[in-house]
Amino acid sequence: MQELGHEVIVANVRELRAISHSDRKSDQADAEKLAAYARLDPNVLGPIAHRTVESNSRR
């Protein structure tokens, strides 16, 4: 997605009580909440960076 010019945020959803402890669990509801957080303040999502394929092969 980044190669296509999109910003990619990988979040640990377990850290977001609004999603992990919600009584209204559904993929659509969760996606809407994630999108709202990403628009307002992406840092709230606790973004993480995945290792690259190259860094994994060096181990």
C-alpha atoms as a PDB file:
ATOM      1  CA  MET A   1       0.000   0.000   0.000  1.00  0.00           C
ATOM      2  CA  GLN A   2       2.850   2.398   0.769  1.00  0.00           C
ATOM      3  CA  GLU A   3       4.260   1.786  -2.694  1.00  0.00           C
ATOM      4  CA  LEU A   4       0.942   3.065  -4.058  1.00  0.00           C
ATOM      5  CA  GLY A   5       1.248   6.285  -2.031  1.00  0.00           C
ATOM      6  CA  HIS A   6      -1.010   5.377   0.905  1.00  0.00           C
ATOM      7  CA  GLU A   7      -0.152   5.884   4.545  1.00  0.00           C
ATOM      8  CA  VAL A   8      -0.150   2.552   6.369  1.00  0.00           C
ATOM      9  CA  ILE A   9      -0.735   2.348  10.116  1.00  0.00           C
ATOM     10  CA  VAL A  10      -0.396  -0.989  11.893  1.00  0.00           C
ATOM     11  CA  ALA A  11      -2.082  -0.821  15.281  1.00  0.00           C
ATOM     12  CA  ASN A  12      -2.358  -3.083  18.292  1.00  0.00           C
ATOM     13  CA  VAL A  13      -6.131  -3.081  18.697  1.00  0.00           C
ATOM     14  CA  ARG A  14      -5.934  -4.726  22.123  1.00  0.00           C
ATOM     15  CA  GLU A  15      -4.653  -1.393  23.428  1.00  0.00           C
ATOM     16  CA  LEU A  16      -7.836   0.398  22.299  1.00  0.00           C
ATOM     17  CA  ARG A  17     -10.512  -0.238  24.900  1.00  0.00           C
ATOM     18  CA  ALA A  18     -13.141   1.413  22.684  1.00  0.00           C
ATOM     19  CA  ILE A  19     -12.724  -1.525  20.306  1.00  0.00           C
ATOM     20  CA  SER A  20     -11.480  -4.439  22.385  1.00  0.00           C
ATOM     21  CA  HIS A  21     -14.118  -3.992  25.122  1.00  0.00           C
ATOM     22  CA  SER A  22     -16.990  -2.898  22.901  1.00  0.00           C
ATOM     23  CA  ASP A  23     -20.401  -4.543  23.242  1.00  0.00           C
ATOM     24  CA  ARG A  24     -21.084  -3.784  19.557  1.00  0.00           C
ATOM     25  CA  LYS A  25     -18.462  -6.021  17.966  1.00  0.00           C
ATOM     26  CA  SER A  26     -18.516  -6.177  14.197  1.00  0.00           C
ATOM     27  CA  ASP A  27     -15.903  -5.771  11.509  1.00  0.00           C
ATOM     28  CA  GLN A  28     -17.648  -2.697  10.139  1.00  0.00           C
ATOM     29  CA  ALA A  29     -18.037  -0.994  13.531  1.00  0.00           C
ATOM     30  CA  ASP A  30     -14.400  -1.738  14.410  1.00  0.00           C
ATOM     31  CA  ALA A  31     -13.182  -0.471  11.022  1.00  0.00           C
ATOM     32  CA  GLU A  32     -15.147   2.761  11.414  1.00  0.00           C
ATOM     33  CA  LYS A  33     -13.643   3.361  14.861  1.00  0.00           C
ATOM     34  CA  LEU A  34     -10.123   2.643  13.577  1.00  0.00           C
ATOM     35  CA  ALA A  35     -10.619   5.019  10.654  1.00  0.00           C
ATOM     36  CA  ALA A  36     -11.859   7.766  12.971  1.00  0.00           C
ATOM     37  CA  TYR A  37      -8.853   7.357  15.284  1.00  0.00           C
ATOM     38  CA  ALA A  38      -6.476   7.342  12.310  1.00  0.00           C
ATOM     39  CA  ARG A  39      -7.967  10.599  11.012  1.00  0.00           C
ATOM     40  CA  LEU A  40      -7.984  12.388  14.369  1.00  0.00           C
ATOM     41  CA  ASP A  41      -4.743  11.187  15.956  1.00  0.00           C
ATOM     42  CA  PRO A  42      -2.902   8.172  14.522  1.00  0.00           C
ATOM     43  CA  ASN A  43      -0.631   8.052  17.596  1.00  0.00           C
ATOM     44  CA  VAL A  44      -3.612   6.914  19.672  1.00  0.00           C
ATOM     45  CA  LEU A  45      -3.459   3.664  17.697  1.00  0.00           C
ATOM     46  CA  GLY A  46      -0.008   2.898  19.102  1.00  0.00           C
ATOM     47  CA  PRO A  47       1.453   2.341  15.643  1.00  0.00           C
ATOM     48  CA  ILE A  48       4.058  -0.368  15.251  1.00  0.00           C
ATOM     49  CA  ALA A  49       6.509  -1.066  12.444  1.00  0.00           C
ATOM     50  CA  HIS A  50       6.771  -4.533  10.944  1.00  0.00           C
ATOM     51  CA  ARG A  51      10.200  -5.868  10.164  1.00  0.00           C
ATOM     52  CA  THR A  52      11.133  -6.045   6.539  1.00  0.00           C
ATOM     53  CA  VAL A  53      11.678  -9.332   4.745  1.00  0.00           C
ATOM     54  CA  GLU A  54      15.357  -8.436   4.445  1.00  0.00           C
ATOM     55  CA  SER A  55      15.805  -7.954   8.200  1.00  0.00           C
ATOM     56  CA  ASN A  56      14.097 -11.274   8.925  1.00  0.00           C
ATOM     57  CA  SER A  57      16.387 -13.180   6.550  1.00  0.00           C
ATOM     58  CA  ARG A  58      19.528 -11.873   8.288  1.00  0.00           C
ATOM     59  CA  ARG A  59      18.769 -13.745  11.495  1.00  0.00           C
END
